[in-house]
Structure formats: C-alpha cells, structure tokens
Amino acid sequence: MFIIILQFLLGLLAANAGEWLIHKTILHGLGKNRHSFWAYHLYEHHVVCTKNGMLDLGYRHIDLTTWNTQSKELVVLAAIVLLLLPLFMVLPFFIGAIYLSLLLYYYSHRKAHLDPAWAKAHLAWHYDHHLGGNSNANWCVTWPWFDYLLGTRVKIS
C-alpha cells in the first residue's frame, strides 16, 4: 500500500514539475521563435488572452480539424500519454497520477479560458500569468506547487 501511495504522490509531483518545465522552457522558450511549432502559445494563445481578458474562444468546441491552440495542445497531451504508455506496466500508479494530472490540466486550462471569473477565483496563479503583466512567472496551471518551490509564483490578483 505504501508503494502505491508513494508512486501516486511522486507522479503528481512529476506531472507538476513537467508542467512547469514545459511551459517555461518549451512554450515560452522555444515558442519565442515565430517559425517554431511552439509559437502558437505566445503568438496565438497569449495574444488572444491579453486582448480578451483571459478569454480564448478557441476552447469553446473541440475540433481536431482546425489547427488552433486547443488542437495543438491536445496533440501534445496525447503525445505525452503515448510516450509514457510503456512505463504504465512498470509504474502504474506513478503514470496513472500523471495521466490524471493531464486530464485535470486540460479541464482546468480550458475552463479558465472560457470562464475568466472562475480562473481568477480558482486558478489565480494562471490568471496572473496571463493578465498580471508578467507572463514570465506563474508557469503552473493545475497547481502552483513548483512555482512556489522554484520561486516563480508572483501574486498579482
């Protein structure tokens, strides 16, 4: 039982660390290059959110036939699921926690950009990332654990 709980907790931590790292280094790092696949994050998603007070209507309907922020995000999340699948047989509760975190990430991120008031109340760190005037902080979406741990949580709202 201890191993199950430990795997699950470490999976949640690993998912949060991955969320922080991907957001900071890939989406905001590699994404600065306008010709990069990752540019959608800064030059589409952030622009729309800044202009519309956190609202990104691209999240209204799931449409994988449209190559927009949401469909690109879903492709990346699916790729993470597939990359981790071989480890599921070895560390099922660790990988299960990561998969659960991916689902929570997508649900929370989508809801935050369809309901800015909800985001401000329930994901203040992500709201601050978009509308706080400093998009180079508050890298976590699901939980702000690694932002606090690494000193990148900047409270604005």
N, C-alpha and C. Protein backbone atom coordinates (compact mmCIF):
# COMPACT_ATOMS: atom_id res chain seq x y z
N MET A 1 0.82 -1.21 0.00
CA MET A 1 0.00 0.00 0.00
C MET A 1 0.86 1.26 0.00
N PHE A 2 1.95 1.23 0.77
CA PHE A 2 2.86 2.38 0.83
C PHE A 2 3.43 2.70 -0.55
N ILE A 3 3.78 1.65 -1.31
CA ILE A 3 4.35 1.83 -2.65
C ILE A 3 3.33 2.48 -3.59
N ILE A 4 2.09 2.09 -3.47
CA ILE A 4 1.03 2.66 -4.31
C ILE A 4 0.88 4.16 -4.02
N ILE A 5 0.81 4.50 -2.74
CA ILE A 5 0.66 5.91 -2.34
C ILE A 5 1.89 6.71 -2.76
N LEU A 6 3.06 6.15 -2.54
CA LEU A 6 4.30 6.83 -2.92
C LEU A 6 4.37 7.07 -4.42
N GLN A 7 4.07 6.02 -5.20
CA GLN A 7 4.06 6.18 -6.66
C GLN A 7 3.10 7.28 -7.08
N PHE A 8 1.90 7.27 -6.52
CA PHE A 8 0.89 8.25 -6.89
C PHE A 8 1.34 9.67 -6.55
N LEU A 9 1.84 9.87 -5.34
CA LEU A 9 2.29 11.20 -4.93
C LEU A 9 3.48 11.68 -5.77
N LEU A 10 4.41 10.78 -6.04
CA LEU A 10 5.55 11.15 -6.90
C LEU A 10 5.09 11.44 -8.33
N GLY A 11 4.07 10.74 -8.79
CA GLY A 11 3.50 11.02 -10.11
C GLY A 11 2.89 12.40 -10.18
N LEU A 12 2.17 12.80 -9.12
CA LEU A 12 1.59 14.15 -9.08
C LEU A 12 2.69 15.21 -9.09
N LEU A 13 3.73 14.97 -8.32
CA LEU A 13 4.86 15.91 -8.29
C LEU A 13 5.57 15.97 -9.64
N ALA A 14 5.80 14.83 -10.24
CA ALA A 14 6.47 14.78 -11.55
C ALA A 14 5.63 15.50 -12.61
N ALA A 15 4.32 15.31 -12.56
CA ALA A 15 3.44 15.99 -13.52
C ALA A 15 3.51 17.50 -13.35
N ASN A 16 3.51 17.96 -12.10
CA ASN A 16 3.57 19.39 -11.85
C ASN A 16 4.92 19.96 -12.29
N ALA A 17 5.99 19.22 -12.02
CA ALA A 17 7.32 19.64 -12.46
C ALA A 17 7.38 19.70 -13.98
N GLY A 18 6.80 18.70 -14.63
CA GLY A 18 6.77 18.68 -16.10
C GLY A 18 5.96 19.83 -16.66
N GLU A 19 4.84 20.12 -16.05
CA GLU A 19 4.00 21.24 -16.48
C GLU A 19 4.79 22.55 -16.39
N TRP A 20 5.47 22.76 -15.28
CA TRP A 20 6.28 23.96 -15.07
C TRP A 20 7.39 24.04 -16.12
N LEU A 21 8.10 22.93 -16.30
CA LEU A 21 9.25 22.89 -17.21
C LEU A 21 8.83 23.08 -18.67
N ILE A 22 7.80 22.40 -19.09
CA ILE A 22 7.32 22.52 -20.47
C ILE A 22 6.83 23.94 -20.74
N HIS A 23 6.06 24.50 -19.81
CA HIS A 23 5.53 25.84 -20.01
C HIS A 23 6.66 26.87 -20.11
N LYS A 24 7.62 26.76 -19.21
CA LYS A 24 8.71 27.75 -19.17
C LYS A 24 9.69 27.58 -20.33
N THR A 25 10.21 26.37 -20.51
CA THR A 25 11.30 26.19 -21.47
C THR A 25 10.85 25.94 -22.90
N ILE A 26 9.74 25.25 -23.07
CA ILE A 26 9.30 24.94 -24.44
C ILE A 26 8.32 26.00 -24.95
N LEU A 27 7.21 26.19 -24.23
CA LEU A 27 6.18 27.11 -24.73
C LEU A 27 6.64 28.56 -24.75
N HIS A 28 7.38 28.97 -23.71
CA HIS A 28 7.86 30.36 -23.67
C HIS A 28 9.30 30.48 -24.15
N GLY A 29 10.04 29.39 -24.15
CA GLY A 29 11.43 29.41 -24.63
C GLY A 29 11.48 29.20 -26.13
N LEU A 30 11.23 27.97 -26.55
CA LEU A 30 11.22 27.66 -27.99
C LEU A 30 10.10 28.41 -28.71
N GLY A 31 9.03 28.71 -27.98
CA GLY A 31 7.89 29.41 -28.57
C GLY A 31 8.17 30.83 -29.00
N LYS A 32 9.29 31.40 -28.55
CA LYS A 32 9.65 32.76 -28.98
C LYS A 32 9.98 32.82 -30.46
N ASN A 33 10.46 31.71 -30.99
CA ASN A 33 10.76 31.63 -32.43
C ASN A 33 9.45 31.52 -33.20
N ARG A 34 9.10 32.54 -33.94
CA ARG A 34 7.82 32.57 -34.66
C ARG A 34 7.65 31.43 -35.66
N HIS A 35 8.74 30.78 -36.04
CA HIS A 35 8.67 29.69 -37.02
C HIS A 35 8.61 28.31 -36.34
N SER A 36 8.61 28.32 -35.02
CA SER A 36 8.56 27.08 -34.25
C SER A 36 7.13 26.59 -34.13
N PHE A 37 6.95 25.28 -34.03
CA PHE A 37 5.64 24.70 -33.75
C PHE A 37 5.07 25.30 -32.46
N TRP A 38 5.92 25.58 -31.50
CA TRP A 38 5.53 26.05 -30.18
C TRP A 38 5.12 27.52 -30.16
N ALA A 39 5.31 28.23 -31.24
CA ALA A 39 4.98 29.66 -31.31
C ALA A 39 3.49 29.93 -31.08
N TYR A 40 2.65 28.93 -31.32
CA TYR A 40 1.22 29.13 -31.11
C TYR A 40 0.93 29.62 -29.69
N HIS A 41 1.71 29.18 -28.73
CA HIS A 41 1.42 29.52 -27.34
C HIS A 41 1.55 31.03 -27.09
N LEU A 42 2.65 31.61 -27.52
CA LEU A 42 2.86 33.04 -27.30
C LEU A 42 2.10 33.90 -28.30
N TYR A 43 2.17 33.52 -29.58
CA TYR A 43 1.68 34.40 -30.64
C TYR A 43 0.21 34.18 -31.00
N GLU A 44 -0.39 33.13 -30.48
CA GLU A 44 -1.83 32.94 -30.64
C GLU A 44 -2.52 33.04 -29.28
N HIS A 45 -2.22 32.07 -28.42
CA HIS A 45 -2.92 31.96 -27.14
C HIS A 45 -2.73 33.19 -26.26
N HIS A 46 -1.51 33.63 -26.05
CA HIS A 46 -1.28 34.79 -25.17
C HIS A 46 -1.85 36.07 -25.77
N VAL A 47 -1.74 36.23 -27.06
CA VAL A 47 -2.27 37.43 -27.71
C VAL A 47 -3.79 37.49 -27.55
N VAL A 48 -4.46 36.39 -27.82
CA VAL A 48 -5.92 36.34 -27.69
C VAL A 48 -6.33 36.59 -26.24
N CYS A 49 -5.64 35.96 -25.28
CA CYS A 49 -6.00 36.12 -23.86
C CYS A 49 -5.78 37.54 -23.38
N THR A 50 -4.71 38.16 -23.81
CA THR A 50 -4.44 39.55 -23.42
C THR A 50 -5.51 40.48 -23.98
N LYS A 51 -5.85 40.26 -25.23
CA LYS A 51 -6.84 41.10 -25.89
C LYS A 51 -8.24 40.92 -25.29
N ASN A 52 -8.56 39.69 -24.85
CA ASN A 52 -9.92 39.36 -24.41
C ASN A 52 -10.04 39.11 -22.91
N GLY A 53 -9.13 39.62 -22.12
CA GLY A 53 -9.24 39.47 -20.67
C GLY A 53 -9.26 38.03 -20.20
N MET A 54 -8.37 37.20 -20.74
CA MET A 54 -8.20 35.79 -20.37
C MET A 54 -9.04 34.85 -21.23
N LEU A 55 -10.06 35.37 -21.86
CA LEU A 55 -10.97 34.55 -22.66
C LEU A 55 -10.29 34.11 -23.96
N ASP A 56 -10.37 32.81 -24.25
CA ASP A 56 -9.86 32.27 -25.52
C ASP A 56 -10.96 31.38 -26.09
N LEU A 57 -11.74 31.92 -27.01
CA LEU A 57 -12.89 31.22 -27.55
C LEU A 57 -12.51 30.01 -28.40
N GLY A 58 -11.23 29.86 -28.69
CA GLY A 58 -10.75 28.67 -29.39
C GLY A 58 -10.99 27.41 -28.58
N TYR A 59 -11.26 27.56 -27.29
CA TYR A 59 -11.52 26.41 -26.42
C TYR A 59 -13.00 26.04 -26.34
N ARG A 60 -13.87 26.81 -27.01
CA ARG A 60 -15.31 26.56 -26.92
C ARG A 60 -15.70 25.17 -27.37
N HIS A 61 -15.22 24.77 -28.53
CA HIS A 61 -15.58 23.46 -29.09
C HIS A 61 -14.30 22.70 -29.40
N ILE A 62 -14.34 21.41 -29.14
CA ILE A 62 -13.20 20.58 -29.51
C ILE A 62 -13.36 20.22 -30.98
N ASP A 63 -12.44 20.71 -31.78
CA ASP A 63 -12.48 20.49 -33.22
C ASP A 63 -11.07 20.17 -33.69
N LEU A 64 -10.80 18.90 -33.86
CA LEU A 64 -9.45 18.49 -34.27
C LEU A 64 -9.20 18.70 -35.76
N THR A 65 -10.21 19.20 -36.48
CA THR A 65 -9.99 19.51 -37.90
C THR A 65 -9.44 20.93 -38.07
N THR A 66 -9.48 21.72 -36.99
CA THR A 66 -8.95 23.08 -37.01
C THR A 66 -7.63 23.08 -36.25
N TRP A 67 -6.59 23.59 -36.89
CA TRP A 67 -5.27 23.61 -36.28
C TRP A 67 -5.13 24.90 -35.50
N ASN A 68 -5.63 24.88 -34.24
CA ASN A 68 -5.57 26.07 -33.40
C ASN A 68 -4.89 25.73 -32.08
N THR A 69 -4.91 26.66 -31.15
CA THR A 69 -4.26 26.46 -29.85
C THR A 69 -4.76 25.20 -29.16
N GLN A 70 -6.07 25.00 -29.12
CA GLN A 70 -6.62 23.85 -28.41
C GLN A 70 -6.22 22.53 -29.08
N SER A 71 -6.31 22.47 -30.40
CA SER A 71 -5.98 21.20 -31.07
C SER A 71 -4.49 20.89 -30.94
N LYS A 72 -3.65 21.91 -30.99
CA LYS A 72 -2.21 21.69 -30.80
C LYS A 72 -1.93 21.22 -29.38
N GLU A 73 -2.61 21.81 -28.41
CA GLU A 73 -2.46 21.40 -27.03
C GLU A 73 -2.87 19.94 -26.85
N LEU A 74 -3.98 19.56 -27.45
CA LEU A 74 -4.45 18.17 -27.34
C LEU A 74 -3.47 17.19 -27.99
N VAL A 75 -2.87 17.58 -29.09
CA VAL A 75 -1.87 16.72 -29.75
C VAL A 75 -0.67 16.53 -28.83
N VAL A 76 -0.22 17.59 -28.18
CA VAL A 76 0.92 17.50 -27.26
C VAL A 76 0.56 16.61 -26.07
N LEU A 77 -0.62 16.78 -25.52
CA LEU A 77 -1.04 15.95 -24.38
C LEU A 77 -1.14 14.48 -24.80
N ALA A 78 -1.67 14.22 -25.98
CA ALA A 78 -1.76 12.83 -26.47
C ALA A 78 -0.37 12.24 -26.67
N ALA A 79 0.56 13.05 -27.15
CA ALA A 79 1.94 12.58 -27.33
C ALA A 79 2.56 12.20 -25.99
N ILE A 80 2.29 12.99 -24.96
CA ILE A 80 2.81 12.68 -23.61
C ILE A 80 2.22 11.35 -23.13
N VAL A 81 0.93 11.16 -23.34
CA VAL A 81 0.28 9.90 -22.94
C VAL A 81 0.96 8.73 -23.64
N LEU A 82 1.16 8.83 -24.94
CA LEU A 82 1.77 7.74 -25.71
C LEU A 82 3.22 7.49 -25.30
N LEU A 83 3.97 8.56 -25.05
CA LEU A 83 5.37 8.40 -24.64
C LEU A 83 5.49 7.67 -23.30
N LEU A 84 4.55 7.90 -22.41
CA LEU A 84 4.60 7.30 -21.08
C LEU A 84 3.95 5.92 -21.01
N LEU A 85 3.22 5.55 -22.02
CA LEU A 85 2.48 4.29 -22.02
C LEU A 85 3.35 3.07 -21.70
N PRO A 86 4.56 2.94 -22.26
CA PRO A 86 5.37 1.77 -21.93
C PRO A 86 5.72 1.66 -20.44
N LEU A 87 5.76 2.78 -19.73
CA LEU A 87 6.08 2.76 -18.30
C LEU A 87 4.88 2.38 -17.43
N PHE A 88 3.70 2.39 -18.02
CA PHE A 88 2.49 2.13 -17.25
C PHE A 88 2.51 0.74 -16.62
N MET A 89 3.05 -0.25 -17.32
CA MET A 89 3.10 -1.62 -16.79
C MET A 89 4.07 -1.73 -15.60
N VAL A 90 5.10 -0.89 -15.58
CA VAL A 90 6.11 -0.95 -14.53
C VAL A 90 5.73 -0.09 -13.33
N LEU A 91 5.21 1.10 -13.59
CA LEU A 91 4.86 2.06 -12.54
C LEU A 91 3.42 2.55 -12.73
N PRO A 92 2.46 1.67 -12.56
CA PRO A 92 1.08 2.04 -12.92
C PRO A 92 0.51 3.21 -12.12
N PHE A 93 0.83 3.33 -10.87
CA PHE A 93 0.24 4.41 -10.06
C PHE A 93 0.96 5.73 -10.30
N PHE A 94 2.24 5.67 -10.59
CA PHE A 94 3.01 6.86 -10.94
C PHE A 94 2.48 7.43 -12.26
N ILE A 95 2.40 6.57 -13.27
CA ILE A 95 1.92 7.01 -14.59
C ILE A 95 0.44 7.37 -14.51
N GLY A 96 -0.33 6.62 -13.72
CA GLY A 96 -1.75 6.94 -13.54
C GLY A 96 -1.94 8.34 -12.97
N ALA A 97 -1.09 8.72 -12.02
CA ALA A 97 -1.16 10.06 -11.44
C ALA A 97 -0.82 11.12 -12.49
N ILE A 98 0.14 10.82 -13.34
CA ILE A 98 0.48 11.76 -14.41
C ILE A 98 -0.69 11.88 -15.38
N TYR A 99 -1.29 10.75 -15.74
CA TYR A 99 -2.45 10.79 -16.64
C TYR A 99 -3.61 11.58 -16.02
N LEU A 100 -3.86 11.36 -14.74
CA LEU A 100 -4.90 12.12 -14.04
C LEU A 100 -4.56 13.62 -14.07
N SER A 101 -3.31 13.95 -13.85
CA SER A 101 -2.87 15.36 -13.88
C SER A 101 -3.06 15.96 -15.27
N LEU A 102 -2.81 15.18 -16.31
CA LEU A 102 -3.02 15.67 -17.68
C LEU A 102 -4.50 16.00 -17.91
N LEU A 103 -5.38 15.12 -17.42
CA LEU A 103 -6.81 15.38 -17.55
C LEU A 103 -7.23 16.62 -16.78
N LEU A 104 -6.73 16.75 -15.55
CA LEU A 104 -7.04 17.93 -14.74
C LEU A 104 -6.46 19.20 -15.36
N TYR A 105 -5.26 19.08 -15.92
CA TYR A 105 -4.65 20.22 -16.61
C TYR A 105 -5.57 20.69 -17.74
N TYR A 106 -5.95 19.76 -18.60
CA TYR A 106 -6.75 20.15 -19.76
C TYR A 106 -8.09 20.74 -19.33
N TYR A 107 -8.77 20.08 -18.38
CA TYR A 107 -10.05 20.58 -17.90
C TYR A 107 -9.89 21.99 -17.31
N SER A 108 -8.91 22.16 -16.43
CA SER A 108 -8.71 23.45 -15.75
C SER A 108 -8.31 24.54 -16.73
N HIS A 109 -7.39 24.21 -17.63
CA HIS A 109 -6.90 25.21 -18.59
C HIS A 109 -8.04 25.65 -19.51
N ARG A 110 -8.79 24.70 -20.00
CA ARG A 110 -9.91 25.02 -20.89
C ARG A 110 -10.95 25.86 -20.15
N LYS A 111 -11.33 25.43 -18.95
CA LYS A 111 -12.34 26.18 -18.18
C LYS A 111 -11.84 27.58 -17.85
N ALA A 112 -10.57 27.71 -17.52
CA ALA A 112 -10.01 29.02 -17.18
C ALA A 112 -10.13 30.00 -18.34
N HIS A 113 -9.99 29.49 -19.56
CA HIS A 113 -10.03 30.38 -20.72
C HIS A 113 -11.42 30.55 -21.31
N LEU A 114 -12.38 29.83 -20.76
CA LEU A 114 -13.78 30.04 -21.14
C LEU A 114 -14.54 30.80 -20.06
N ASP A 115 -14.01 30.81 -18.85
CA ASP A 115 -14.67 31.48 -17.72
C ASP A 115 -13.61 32.21 -16.89
N PRO A 116 -13.20 33.41 -17.33
CA PRO A 116 -12.15 34.15 -16.62
C PRO A 116 -12.45 34.41 -15.14
N ALA A 117 -13.70 34.61 -14.77
CA ALA A 117 -14.03 34.83 -13.36
C ALA A 117 -13.72 33.58 -12.55
N TRP A 118 -14.02 32.42 -13.11
CA TRP A 118 -13.68 31.15 -12.45
C TRP A 118 -12.16 31.03 -12.32
N ALA A 119 -11.45 31.39 -13.37
CA ALA A 119 -9.98 31.31 -13.34
C ALA A 119 -9.41 32.21 -12.25
N LYS A 120 -9.93 33.41 -12.14
CA LYS A 120 -9.42 34.33 -11.12
C LYS A 120 -9.66 33.79 -9.72
N ALA A 121 -10.78 33.11 -9.52
CA ALA A 121 -11.12 32.56 -8.21
C ALA A 121 -10.41 31.24 -7.90
N HIS A 122 -10.22 30.40 -8.92
CA HIS A 122 -9.73 29.03 -8.68
C HIS A 122 -8.33 28.75 -9.23
N LEU A 123 -7.87 29.52 -10.17
CA LEU A 123 -6.52 29.36 -10.74
C LEU A 123 -5.84 30.71 -10.80
N ALA A 124 -5.79 31.39 -9.67
CA ALA A 124 -5.26 32.76 -9.61
C ALA A 124 -3.85 32.83 -10.19
N TRP A 125 -3.03 31.81 -9.98
CA TRP A 125 -1.66 31.79 -10.49
C TRP A 125 -1.65 31.80 -12.02
N HIS A 126 -2.60 31.09 -12.64
CA HIS A 126 -2.65 31.08 -14.11
C HIS A 126 -3.25 32.39 -14.62
N TYR A 127 -4.24 32.89 -13.92
CA TYR A 127 -4.82 34.19 -14.25
C TYR A 127 -3.72 35.25 -14.21
N ASP A 128 -2.91 35.21 -13.16
CA ASP A 128 -1.80 36.17 -13.03
C ASP A 128 -0.78 36.00 -14.16
N HIS A 129 -0.57 34.76 -14.61
CA HIS A 129 0.36 34.51 -15.70
C HIS A 129 -0.08 35.27 -16.96
N HIS A 130 -1.37 35.25 -17.22
CA HIS A 130 -1.89 35.88 -18.45
C HIS A 130 -2.15 37.37 -18.28
N LEU A 131 -2.70 37.79 -17.16
CA LEU A 131 -3.17 39.17 -17.04
C LEU A 131 -2.43 39.98 -15.98
N GLY A 132 -1.43 39.40 -15.37
CA GLY A 132 -0.74 40.09 -14.30
C GLY A 132 0.39 40.98 -14.74
N GLY A 133 0.62 41.06 -16.04
CA GLY A 133 1.68 41.93 -16.55
C GLY A 133 3.06 41.28 -16.55
N ASN A 134 3.14 40.02 -16.13
CA ASN A 134 4.42 39.31 -16.12
C ASN A 134 4.17 37.87 -16.55
N SER A 135 4.21 37.63 -17.85
CA SER A 135 3.98 36.28 -18.35
C SER A 135 5.23 35.41 -18.21
N ASN A 136 6.29 35.96 -17.59
CA ASN A 136 7.49 35.18 -17.32
C ASN A 136 7.53 34.70 -15.88
N ALA A 137 6.37 34.39 -15.34
CA ALA A 137 6.23 33.85 -13.98
C ALA A 137 4.95 33.03 -13.97
N ASN A 138 4.71 32.35 -12.87
CA ASN A 138 3.47 31.58 -12.71
C ASN A 138 3.28 30.56 -13.83
N TRP A 139 4.24 29.66 -13.94
CA TRP A 139 4.26 28.70 -15.04
C TRP A 139 3.29 27.54 -14.87
N CYS A 140 2.89 27.24 -13.66
CA CYS A 140 2.00 26.11 -13.42
C CYS A 140 0.55 26.48 -13.75
N VAL A 141 -0.22 25.48 -14.15
CA VAL A 141 -1.64 25.69 -14.42
C VAL A 141 -2.48 24.93 -13.39
N THR A 142 -2.25 23.64 -13.25
CA THR A 142 -3.08 22.81 -12.40
C THR A 142 -2.95 23.15 -10.92
N TRP A 143 -1.74 23.13 -10.42
CA TRP A 143 -1.44 23.52 -9.04
C TRP A 143 -0.16 24.33 -9.06
N PRO A 144 -0.01 25.31 -8.19
CA PRO A 144 1.19 26.17 -8.24
C PRO A 144 2.39 25.63 -7.45
N TRP A 145 2.43 24.33 -7.20
CA TRP A 145 3.47 23.77 -6.33
C TRP A 145 4.88 24.12 -6.78
N PHE A 146 5.20 23.88 -8.04
CA PHE A 146 6.58 24.13 -8.49
C PHE A 146 6.87 25.61 -8.66
N ASP A 147 5.86 26.41 -8.88
CA ASP A 147 6.08 27.86 -8.86
C ASP A 147 6.52 28.31 -7.47
N TYR A 148 5.88 27.81 -6.44
CA TYR A 148 6.29 28.14 -5.07
C TYR A 148 7.66 27.57 -4.77
N LEU A 149 7.87 26.31 -5.13
CA LEU A 149 9.14 25.64 -4.85
C LEU A 149 10.32 26.33 -5.52
N LEU A 150 10.13 26.79 -6.74
CA LEU A 150 11.21 27.39 -7.52
C LEU A 150 11.19 28.92 -7.50
N GLY A 151 10.29 29.50 -6.72
CA GLY A 151 10.27 30.95 -6.56
C GLY A 151 9.73 31.72 -7.74
N THR A 152 8.90 31.08 -8.56
CA THR A 152 8.35 31.77 -9.74
C THR A 152 6.87 32.12 -9.58
N ARG A 153 6.33 31.93 -8.39
CA ARG A 153 4.95 32.35 -8.15
C ARG A 153 4.97 33.82 -7.76
N VAL A 154 4.39 34.64 -8.63
CA VAL A 154 4.30 36.08 -8.40
C VAL A 154 2.82 36.42 -8.28
N LYS A 155 2.38 36.81 -7.09
CA LYS A 155 0.96 37.13 -6.87
C LYS A 155 0.67 38.55 -7.36
N ILE A 156 -0.36 38.64 -8.17
CA ILE A 156 -0.79 39.94 -8.68
C ILE A 156 -2.24 40.19 -8.30
N SER A 157 -3.11 39.19 -8.55
CA SER A 157 -4.54 39.38 -8.27
C SER A 157 -4.88 38.96 -6.86
